[in-house]
Amino acid sequence: MKIRGLSYQRGVFFFGASFISRAYVDSEGKIHAELLPLSFRSYSRVAAVVIGAMPIWYKLTAAAWLTAAIFQLLPLYSFLLFILGTHFIFPQQLKKFHGAEHKVFSFTGVPEKSSWKRVGRASITNRHCSTNIVFIYFVLFLVMASPVYIVSSPGNVFIAVSAYISLPMAFAAEEVLQRHFAGSRNTWLKPSYWLQRNISCSVPEKVHVQTAIAAFRMLAEREFPRRPGRKRKEQLSMAIVDVTVSPIDKQGTGMSETVAKIQDVLEKHNDKIDIEMTPMSTLLEGNIDDLLQAVREIHEIPFEEGYQRVSTNIRIDDRRDAEGKQMKKKMESVRNARKQ
């Protein structure tokens, strides 16, 4: 099933087969999510929300431009060019939500609010982005409305025809390229990917990524619950990681300062993982995704201190058939065995 996304100034929409999900950020910075049935009324609400969130300058400019076109002060096709052209001058918040939407699509695992950092490292490009169609549209328009036609007497007619006919042709061309030229996708999508990375998207912050995740999960849990529904596995999966981080080119034998920095970083994750420092290593317990994220962060600490080579040793005990804190249970089991 193909899911489509739509970003706007305050959040993200995802469109499925039967529902539309929406997540947005309110004026206090809180994330809200809702699910709508796929209907004309819902589409009308989407349009109202998106238009309402647009910057006032854009709405005033669009209204003035359309009025001028209606009264034939400007060619009507110029309004179409204006609407599509503003795809490349998105406001900053919209660009960040757009980037977050793409990262959710690019993420290969199950996006969860707690894993927003891993989602944030996913690709910011999307091969189904509307930027593809807009780019193809302007290429077709410029090719058909070439200077050869402009200098001719009916030049304005050719420009108008090119502006209108290029839109359905862009949709058709994009569909043909996706279906029949998938093998060369990385080549013909290069211009669009460049535009996505540099023009129509921006690197999202935590709130943008978590908003996109909230919208996607709400739709996914309703439309294909077996895929995102990891609730049981998340409850039962409690892994233990034994990790040691050692700078190889370190002068001297002391590691206290590095270990202290590692503990400071780990403490930032203490709402999701349990931490136990030992004289030889550090023990971490929690969901495997959260643990690996924490290990990835502490692995970088010596590099940030200027070391060029780091050896990180990891042992993982990942148990999927029991729940609860396994480190404590292991210790209790040994104590009980000694009492017998």
Protein backbone atom coordinates (compact mmCIF):
# COMPACT_ATOMS: atom_id res chain seq x y z
CA MET A 1 0.00 0.00 0.00
CA LYS A 2 1.35 3.40 -0.99
CA ILE A 3 1.28 6.15 1.63
CA ARG A 4 1.53 9.76 0.58
CA GLY A 5 2.73 12.61 2.74
CA LEU A 6 1.95 16.31 2.85
CA SER A 7 3.88 18.79 4.95
CA TYR A 8 2.67 22.21 5.96
CA GLN A 9 3.74 25.07 8.19
CA ARG A 10 2.75 23.42 11.48
CA GLY A 11 2.90 19.69 10.86
CA VAL A 12 2.51 16.68 8.59
CA PHE A 13 -0.32 14.73 6.96
CA PHE A 14 -0.12 11.11 5.78
CA PHE A 15 -2.69 9.68 3.38
CA GLY A 16 -3.48 5.96 3.34
CA ALA A 17 -6.10 3.75 1.71
CA SER A 18 -8.89 4.55 4.17
CA PHE A 19 -7.61 7.23 6.56
CA ILE A 20 -5.72 10.49 6.80
CA SER A 21 -3.48 11.10 9.80
CA ARG A 22 -2.36 14.49 10.98
CA ALA A 23 0.17 15.55 13.58
CA TYR A 24 0.94 19.15 14.38
CA VAL A 25 2.67 21.36 16.92
CA ASP A 26 0.59 23.87 18.87
CA SER A 27 1.67 27.32 20.02
CA GLU A 28 3.13 25.84 23.22
CA GLY A 29 5.28 23.35 21.34
CA LYS A 30 3.15 20.31 22.18
CA ILE A 31 2.53 17.62 19.56
CA HIS A 32 -1.04 16.56 18.80
CA ALA A 33 -2.23 13.82 16.44
CA GLU A 34 -5.59 12.87 14.96
CA LEU A 35 -7.00 10.37 12.47
CA LEU A 36 -9.60 11.29 9.84
CA PRO A 37 -11.61 9.02 7.53
CA LEU A 38 -10.76 9.36 3.87
CA SER A 39 -13.62 11.51 2.57
CA PHE A 40 -14.37 14.73 0.73
CA ARG A 41 -15.01 16.43 4.06
CA SER A 42 -11.60 15.36 5.34
CA TYR A 43 -9.90 16.58 2.18
CA SER A 44 -11.69 19.91 2.63
CA ARG A 45 -10.43 20.10 6.19
CA VAL A 46 -6.87 19.32 5.02
CA ALA A 47 -7.09 22.14 2.49
CA ALA A 48 -8.43 24.55 5.13
CA VAL A 49 -5.68 23.62 7.59
CA VAL A 50 -2.89 23.93 5.02
CA ILE A 51 -4.12 27.24 3.62
CA GLY A 52 -4.78 28.61 7.09
CA ALA A 53 -1.21 27.87 8.16
CA MET A 54 0.34 29.59 5.14
CA PRO A 55 2.20 32.85 5.78
CA ILE A 56 0.05 35.94 5.40
CA TRP A 57 2.32 37.34 2.68
CA TYR A 58 1.77 34.23 0.59
CA LYS A 59 -2.01 34.33 0.95
CA LEU A 60 -2.17 38.02 0.11
CA THR A 61 0.13 37.60 -2.89
CA ALA A 62 -1.80 34.58 -4.17
CA ALA A 63 -5.14 36.40 -3.76
CA ALA A 64 -3.85 39.49 -5.56
CA TRP A 65 -2.31 37.41 -8.35
CA LEU A 66 -5.47 35.38 -8.87
CA THR A 67 -7.60 38.53 -8.89
CA ALA A 68 -5.34 40.09 -11.51
CA ALA A 69 -5.57 36.93 -13.61
CA ILE A 70 -9.36 36.79 -13.36
CA PHE A 71 -9.64 40.40 -14.52
CA GLN A 72 -7.11 39.66 -17.29
CA LEU A 73 -4.51 42.02 -15.91
CA LEU A 74 -2.15 39.03 -15.95
CA PRO A 75 -2.32 35.81 -18.00
CA LEU A 76 -4.21 33.10 -16.14
CA TYR A 77 -1.41 30.62 -16.68
CA SER A 78 0.92 32.93 -14.76
CA PHE A 79 -1.01 32.05 -11.59
CA LEU A 80 -0.23 28.38 -12.20
CA LEU A 81 3.44 29.23 -12.63
CA PHE A 82 3.32 31.26 -9.41
CA ILE A 83 1.75 28.42 -7.39
CA LEU A 84 4.22 25.80 -8.64
CA GLY A 85 7.17 28.17 -8.42
CA THR A 86 6.61 28.86 -4.73
CA HIS A 87 7.40 25.18 -4.16
CA PHE A 88 11.00 26.39 -4.09
CA ILE A 89 10.54 29.19 -1.56
CA PHE A 90 9.00 27.25 1.33
CA PRO A 91 9.09 28.93 4.77
CA GLN A 92 11.70 27.49 7.10
CA GLN A 93 9.28 25.57 9.35
CA LEU A 94 7.61 23.98 6.34
CA LYS A 95 11.01 22.94 4.97
CA LYS A 96 11.85 21.27 8.28
CA PHE A 97 8.54 19.39 8.43
CA HIS A 98 9.08 18.42 4.79
CA GLY A 99 12.51 17.05 5.69
CA ALA A 100 11.06 15.15 8.66
CA GLU A 101 8.37 13.62 6.43
CA HIS A 102 11.06 12.40 4.03
CA LYS A 103 13.17 10.95 6.83
CA VAL A 104 10.21 8.93 8.12
CA PHE A 105 9.70 7.53 4.63
CA SER A 106 13.43 6.78 4.28
CA PHE A 107 13.76 5.09 7.69
CA THR A 108 14.02 1.32 7.24
CA GLY A 109 12.83 0.31 10.71
CA VAL A 110 9.68 1.02 12.66
CA PRO A 111 9.67 4.75 13.49
CA GLU A 112 9.03 5.42 17.15
CA LYS A 113 9.02 8.65 19.10
CA SER A 114 11.90 7.46 21.28
CA SER A 115 14.05 6.65 18.23
CA TRP A 116 13.76 10.11 16.67
CA LYS A 117 17.54 10.50 16.50
CA ARG A 118 17.92 7.40 14.33
CA VAL A 119 15.04 8.54 12.16
CA GLY A 120 16.72 11.93 11.93
CA ARG A 121 19.80 10.29 10.39
CA ALA A 122 17.78 8.77 7.54
CA SER A 123 17.93 10.22 4.04
CA ILE A 124 16.24 13.56 3.50
CA THR A 125 15.45 12.71 -0.14
CA ASN A 126 12.33 10.90 -1.31
CA ARG A 127 11.90 9.45 -4.79
CA HIS A 128 8.13 10.07 -4.66
CA CYS A 129 8.38 13.71 -3.54
CA SER A 130 6.27 16.32 -5.29
CA THR A 131 9.52 18.13 -6.07
CA ASN A 132 10.03 15.51 -8.81
CA ILE A 133 6.83 16.57 -10.58
CA VAL A 134 7.46 20.29 -10.14
CA PHE A 135 10.97 19.93 -11.53
CA ILE A 136 9.73 17.89 -14.51
CA TYR A 137 6.96 20.43 -15.07
CA PHE A 138 9.32 23.38 -15.42
CA VAL A 139 11.66 21.39 -17.66
CA LEU A 140 8.77 20.54 -19.98
CA PHE A 141 7.44 24.09 -19.87
CA LEU A 142 10.81 25.64 -20.72
CA VAL A 143 11.39 23.17 -23.53
CA MET A 144 7.98 23.74 -25.11
CA ALA A 145 7.87 27.49 -24.48
CA SER A 146 11.30 27.94 -26.03
CA PRO A 147 12.51 31.27 -27.44
CA VAL A 148 11.60 29.99 -30.89
CA TYR A 149 7.94 30.25 -29.96
CA ILE A 150 8.27 33.41 -27.89
CA VAL A 151 9.61 35.50 -30.78
CA SER A 152 6.87 34.30 -33.12
CA SER A 153 3.64 36.25 -33.43
CA PRO A 154 1.44 33.78 -31.56
CA GLY A 155 4.13 33.37 -28.90
CA ASN A 156 1.82 34.04 -25.94
CA VAL A 157 -0.49 31.28 -27.12
CA PHE A 158 2.36 28.79 -27.19
CA ILE A 159 3.43 29.86 -23.71
CA ALA A 160 -0.11 29.42 -22.36
CA VAL A 161 -0.54 26.03 -23.99
CA SER A 162 2.88 24.95 -22.68
CA ALA A 163 2.01 26.08 -19.14
CA TYR A 164 -1.26 24.13 -19.05
CA ILE A 165 -0.27 20.97 -20.90
CA SER A 166 3.01 20.58 -19.03
CA LEU A 167 1.17 19.79 -15.78
CA PRO A 168 -0.57 16.54 -16.84
CA MET A 169 2.51 15.65 -18.87
CA ALA A 170 4.68 16.03 -15.76
CA PHE A 171 2.50 13.61 -13.79
CA ALA A 172 2.52 11.14 -16.68
CA ALA A 173 6.27 11.47 -17.19
CA GLU A 174 6.99 10.92 -13.51
CA GLU A 175 4.82 7.78 -13.49
CA VAL A 176 6.55 6.39 -16.57
CA LEU A 177 9.99 7.07 -15.13
CA GLN A 178 9.11 5.43 -11.81
CA ARG A 179 7.60 2.36 -13.46
CA HIS A 180 9.85 1.72 -16.43
CA PHE A 181 13.15 3.40 -15.59
CA ALA A 182 13.58 2.35 -11.97
CA GLY A 183 17.03 0.97 -12.73
CA SER A 184 18.31 4.40 -13.70
CA ARG A 185 16.38 6.21 -10.97
CA ASN A 186 19.48 7.54 -9.25
CA THR A 187 20.45 9.27 -12.49
CA TRP A 188 17.24 10.97 -13.54
CA LEU A 189 16.34 11.88 -9.96
CA LYS A 190 19.65 13.64 -9.27
CA PRO A 191 18.32 17.16 -10.01
CA SER A 192 15.25 16.56 -7.85
CA TYR A 193 17.35 15.13 -5.02
CA TRP A 194 19.58 18.19 -5.16
CA LEU A 195 16.54 20.45 -4.95
CA GLN A 196 15.15 18.46 -2.03
CA ARG A 197 18.41 18.64 -0.08
CA ASN A 198 19.11 22.29 -0.78
CA ILE A 199 15.83 24.04 -1.59
CA SER A 200 12.58 22.36 -0.56
CA CYS A 201 13.76 20.62 2.63
CA SER A 202 15.82 21.55 5.68
CA VAL A 203 17.37 19.37 8.36
CA PRO A 204 14.55 18.87 10.89
CA GLU A 205 14.82 19.31 14.64
CA LYS A 206 13.54 16.91 17.28
CA VAL A 207 10.01 18.34 17.33
CA HIS A 208 9.66 18.07 13.55
CA VAL A 209 10.83 14.44 13.45
CA GLN A 210 8.65 13.40 16.38
CA THR A 211 5.64 15.12 14.80
CA ALA A 212 6.14 13.20 11.55
CA ILE A 213 6.59 9.96 13.50
CA ALA A 214 3.36 10.57 15.43
CA ALA A 215 1.39 11.10 12.23
CA PHE A 216 2.91 8.09 10.48
CA ARG A 217 2.38 5.68 13.39
CA MET A 218 -1.22 6.76 13.88
CA LEU A 219 -1.99 5.91 10.26
CA ALA A 220 0.15 2.76 10.20
CA GLU A 221 -1.37 1.30 13.36
CA ARG A 222 -4.83 1.64 11.82
CA GLU A 223 -4.14 0.61 8.23
CA PHE A 224 -1.54 -2.16 8.72
CA PRO A 225 -1.38 -2.87 12.46
CA ARG A 226 0.79 -5.96 12.11
CA ARG A 227 3.74 -3.98 10.79
CA PRO A 228 4.11 -1.14 13.32
CA GLY A 229 2.46 -3.06 16.15
CA ARG A 230 5.55 -3.98 18.11
CA LYS A 231 3.99 -3.33 21.49
CA ARG A 232 4.39 -6.88 22.73
CA LYS A 233 7.94 -7.17 21.47
CA GLU A 234 8.86 -3.81 22.93
CA GLN A 235 7.49 -4.86 26.30
CA LEU A 236 9.25 -8.24 26.32
CA SER A 237 12.53 -7.19 24.73
CA MET A 238 14.94 -6.21 27.49
CA ALA A 239 18.57 -6.41 26.39
CA ILE A 240 21.76 -6.04 28.40
CA VAL A 241 24.86 -4.50 26.84
CA ASP A 242 28.34 -4.74 28.32
CA VAL A 243 30.39 -1.98 26.68
CA THR A 244 33.97 -0.78 26.96
CA VAL A 245 35.27 2.24 25.03
CA SER A 246 39.06 2.53 24.71
CA PRO A 247 41.10 5.12 22.77
CA ILE A 248 43.91 3.11 21.17
CA ASP A 249 46.38 5.98 20.74
CA LYS A 250 45.98 7.29 24.28
CA GLN A 251 49.17 8.35 26.07
CA GLY A 252 49.31 7.14 29.65
CA THR A 253 47.03 4.77 31.55
CA GLY A 254 44.36 7.01 33.02
CA MET A 255 40.83 6.87 31.60
CA SER A 256 38.94 8.70 34.34
CA GLU A 257 38.12 11.83 32.34
CA THR A 258 36.89 9.87 29.32
CA VAL A 259 34.83 7.53 31.50
CA ALA A 260 33.32 10.53 33.28
CA LYS A 261 32.24 12.03 29.95
CA ILE A 262 30.78 8.67 28.92
CA GLN A 263 28.75 8.54 32.12
CA ASP A 264 27.51 12.10 31.53
CA VAL A 265 26.26 11.13 28.09
CA LEU A 266 24.65 7.94 29.36
CA GLU A 267 22.85 9.84 32.11
CA LYS A 268 20.94 11.68 29.38
CA HIS A 269 19.37 8.32 28.50
CA ASN A 270 18.51 7.25 32.05
CA ASP A 271 14.79 7.72 31.37
CA LYS A 272 14.96 4.79 28.91
CA ILE A 273 17.90 2.63 30.01
CA ASP A 274 19.43 1.46 33.29
CA ILE A 275 23.14 2.17 33.77
CA GLU A 276 25.61 0.34 36.02
CA MET A 277 29.30 1.27 35.92
CA THR A 278 31.82 -1.38 36.94
CA PRO A 279 35.63 -1.11 37.27
CA MET A 280 36.08 -2.85 33.88
CA SER A 281 33.11 -1.77 31.78
CA THR A 282 29.63 -0.26 31.83
CA LEU A 283 26.43 -2.32 31.84
CA LEU A 284 23.35 -0.94 30.10
CA GLU A 285 19.84 -2.41 30.12
CA GLY A 286 16.80 -1.46 28.09
CA ASN A 287 15.26 -1.69 24.64
CA ILE A 288 17.87 -2.79 22.11
CA ASP A 289 17.29 0.24 19.86
CA ASP A 290 17.82 2.65 22.76
CA LEU A 291 20.94 0.77 23.88
CA LEU A 292 22.57 0.81 20.45
CA GLN A 293 21.83 4.51 20.13
CA ALA A 294 23.55 5.16 23.47
CA VAL A 295 26.54 2.99 22.48
CA ARG A 296 26.85 4.90 19.22
CA GLU A 297 27.01 8.20 21.11
CA ILE A 298 29.62 7.12 23.65
CA HIS A 299 31.76 5.59 20.90
CA GLU A 300 32.16 9.11 19.48
CA ILE A 301 33.37 10.69 22.73
CA PRO A 302 37.11 9.85 22.35
CA PHE A 303 37.00 11.11 18.76
CA GLU A 304 35.56 14.37 20.02
CA GLU A 305 38.52 14.57 22.41
CA GLY A 306 40.94 14.36 19.48
CA TYR A 307 41.79 10.66 19.33
CA GLN A 308 42.07 9.13 15.87
CA ARG A 309 41.42 5.48 16.73
CA VAL A 310 38.96 3.97 19.20
CA SER A 311 38.23 0.37 20.12
CA THR A 312 34.73 -0.28 21.46
CA ASN A 313 33.97 -3.77 22.72
CA ILE A 314 30.33 -4.76 23.05
CA ARG A 315 28.62 -7.86 24.40
CA ILE A 316 24.85 -8.08 23.99
CA ASP A 317 22.42 -10.33 25.83
CA ASP A 318 19.08 -9.75 24.08
CA ARG A 319 16.18 -11.69 25.58
CA ARG A 320 12.77 -11.67 23.87
CA ASP A 321 10.93 -14.22 26.04
CA ALA A 322 10.81 -12.35 29.35
CA GLU A 323 10.01 -8.92 30.65
CA GLY A 324 11.24 -6.81 33.48
CA LYS A 325 14.71 -5.81 34.63
CA GLN A 326 16.95 -8.76 33.78
CA MET A 327 20.12 -7.42 35.46
CA LYS A 328 18.39 -7.43 38.84
CA LYS A 329 16.82 -10.83 38.19
CA LYS A 330 20.19 -12.34 37.27
CA MET A 331 21.71 -11.09 40.51
CA GLU A 332 18.74 -12.28 42.54
CA SER A 333 18.96 -15.71 40.92
CA VAL A 334 22.62 -16.04 41.93
CA ARG A 335 21.88 -14.90 45.48
CA ASN A 336 19.03 -17.38 45.77
CA ALA A 337 21.24 -20.15 44.43
CA ARG A 338 23.90 -19.41 47.06
CA LYS A 339 21.34 -19.57 49.85
CA GLN A 340 20.26 -23.08 48.88
